[in-house]
C-alpha atoms as a PDB file:
ATOM      1  CA  UNK A   1      -3.075  18.613 -15.678  1.00  0.00           C
ATOM      2  CA  UNK A   2      -6.188  16.503 -15.999  1.00  0.00           C
ATOM      3  CA  UNK A   3      -4.256  13.577 -17.491  1.00  0.00           C
ATOM      4  CA  UNK A   4      -1.696  13.869 -14.707  1.00  0.00           C
ATOM      5  CA  UNK A   5      -4.428  13.789 -12.068  1.00  0.00           C
ATOM      6  CA  UNK A   6      -5.926  10.658 -13.604  1.00  0.00           C
ATOM      7  CA  UNK A   7      -2.497   9.040 -13.729  1.00  0.00           C
ATOM      8  CA  UNK A   8      -1.784   9.893 -10.083  1.00  0.00           C
ATOM      9  CA  UNK A   9      -5.148   8.607  -8.900  1.00  0.00           C
ATOM     10  CA  UNK A  10      -4.676   5.426 -10.908  1.00  0.00           C
ATOM     11  CA  UNK A  11      -1.216   4.963  -9.393  1.00  0.00           C
ATOM     12  CA  UNK A  12      -2.718   5.386  -5.913  1.00  0.00           C
ATOM     13  CA  UNK A  13      -5.220   2.620  -6.659  1.00  0.00           C
ATOM     14  CA  UNK A  14      -2.510   0.299  -7.954  1.00  0.00           C
ATOM     15  CA  UNK A  15      -0.359   1.035  -4.914  1.00  0.00           C
ATOM     16  CA  UNK A  16      -3.199   0.236  -2.527  1.00  0.00           C
ATOM     17  CA  UNK A  17      -3.805  -3.078  -4.275  1.00  0.00           C
ATOM     18  CA  UNK A  18      -0.096  -3.861  -4.096  1.00  0.00           C
ATOM     19  CA  UNK A  19      -0.196  -3.114  -0.369  1.00  0.00           C
ATOM     20  CA  UNK A  20      -2.929  -5.679   0.177  1.00  0.00           C
ATOM     21  CA  UNK A  21      -1.067  -8.331  -1.816  1.00  0.00           C
ATOM     22  CA  UNK A  22       2.282  -7.757  -0.131  1.00  0.00           C
ATOM     23  CA  UNK A  23       0.727  -7.722   3.325  1.00  0.00           C
ATOM     24  CA  UNK A  24      -1.197 -10.937   2.674  1.00  0.00           C
ATOM     25  CA  UNK A  25       1.931 -12.644   1.365  1.00  0.00           C
ATOM     26  CA  UNK A  26       3.986 -11.471   4.334  1.00  0.00           C
ATOM     27  CA  UNK A  27       1.272 -12.592   6.764  1.00  0.00           C
ATOM     28  CA  UNK A  28       1.198 -16.077   5.236  1.00  0.00           C
ATOM     29  CA  UNK A  29       4.989 -16.235   5.236  1.00  0.00           C
ATOM     30  CA  UNK A  30       5.058 -15.214   8.883  1.00  0.00           C
ATOM     31  CA  UNK A  31       2.429 -17.830   9.769  1.00  0.00           C
ATOM     32  CA  UNK A  32       4.559 -20.482   8.080  1.00  0.00           C
ATOM     33  CA  UNK A  33       7.693 -19.273   9.846  1.00  0.00           C
ATOM     34  CA  UNK A  34       5.905 -19.424  13.191  1.00  0.00           C
ATOM     35  CA  UNK A  35       4.612 -22.926  12.543  1.00  0.00           C
ATOM     36  CA  UNK A  36       7.763 -24.454  11.065  1.00  0.00           C
ATOM     37  CA  UNK A  37      10.767 -22.215  11.573  1.00  0.00           C
ATOM     38  CA  UNK A  38      10.215 -21.001  15.086  1.00  0.00           C
ATOM     39  CA  UNK A  39       9.844 -17.266  14.441  1.00  0.00           C
ATOM     40  CA  UNK A  40       9.399 -15.287  17.619  1.00  0.00           C
ATOM     41  CA  UNK A  41       7.406 -12.321  16.271  1.00  0.00           C
ATOM     42  CA  UNK A  42       3.619 -12.534  15.889  1.00  0.00           C
ATOM     43  CA  UNK A  43       2.105 -12.641  12.426  1.00  0.00           C
ATOM     44  CA  UNK A  44       0.470  -9.262  12.977  1.00  0.00           C
ATOM     45  CA  UNK A  45       3.869  -7.612  12.470  1.00  0.00           C
ATOM     46  CA  UNK A  46       3.208  -8.087   8.753  1.00  0.00           C
ATOM     47  CA  UNK A  47       0.615  -5.314   9.089  1.00  0.00           C
ATOM     48  CA  UNK A  48       3.456  -2.833   9.597  1.00  0.00           C
ATOM     49  CA  UNK A  49       4.014  -3.054   5.829  1.00  0.00           C
ATOM     50  CA  UNK A  50       0.817  -1.084   5.353  1.00  0.00           C
ATOM     51  CA  UNK A  51       2.362   2.075   6.815  1.00  0.00           C
ATOM     52  CA  UNK A  52       4.654   3.066   3.906  1.00  0.00           C
ATOM     53  CA  UNK A  53       2.164   1.882   1.300  1.00  0.00           C
ATOM     54  CA  UNK A  54      -0.611   3.840   2.993  1.00  0.00           C
ATOM     55  CA  UNK A  55       1.501   6.978   3.157  1.00  0.00           C
ATOM     56  CA  UNK A  56       2.400   6.633  -0.509  1.00  0.00           C
ATOM     57  CA  UNK A  57      -1.196   6.070  -1.570  1.00  0.00           C
ATOM     58  CA  UNK A  58      -2.337   9.050   0.513  1.00  0.00           C
ATOM     59  CA  UNK A  59       0.336  11.255  -1.050  1.00  0.00           C
ATOM     60  CA  UNK A  60      -0.572  10.164  -4.588  1.00  0.00           C
ATOM     61  CA  UNK A  61      -4.268  10.707  -3.908  1.00  0.00           C
ATOM     62  CA  UNK A  62      -3.626  14.156  -2.483  1.00  0.00           C
ATOM     63  CA  UNK A  63      -1.477  15.150  -5.449  1.00  0.00           C
ATOM     64  CA  UNK A  64      -4.028  13.749  -7.891  1.00  0.00           C
ATOM     65  CA  UNK A  65      -6.879  15.685  -6.314  1.00  0.00           C
ATOM     66  CA  UNK A  66      -4.750  18.843  -6.194  1.00  0.00           C
ATOM     67  CA  UNK A  67      -3.939  18.510  -9.898  1.00  0.00           C
ATOM     68  CA  UNK A  68      -7.603  17.946 -10.695  1.00  0.00           C
ATOM     69  CA  UNK A  69      -8.551  21.055  -8.763  1.00  0.00           C
ATOM     70  CA  UNK A  70      -5.887  23.092 -10.587  1.00  0.00           C
ATOM     71  CA  UNK A  71      -7.103  21.916 -13.995  1.00  0.00           C
ATOM     72  CA  UNK A  72     -10.612  23.273 -13.435  1.00  0.00           C
END
């Protein structure tokens, strides 16, 4: 169980880093679309991508801490 908890917590960290990268890329893409393509939505809509990533990271963290508690 301890190895599983470490794996889950590591996956949560990777997922949170992926969330930052995807959100930054989407923000820049939205800024470019606003400047050149005429997009009508504001660039802050890219922040909505953080919702599923945040839920996933929270779930993985919770499971990892639960597994760590069970292994003790």
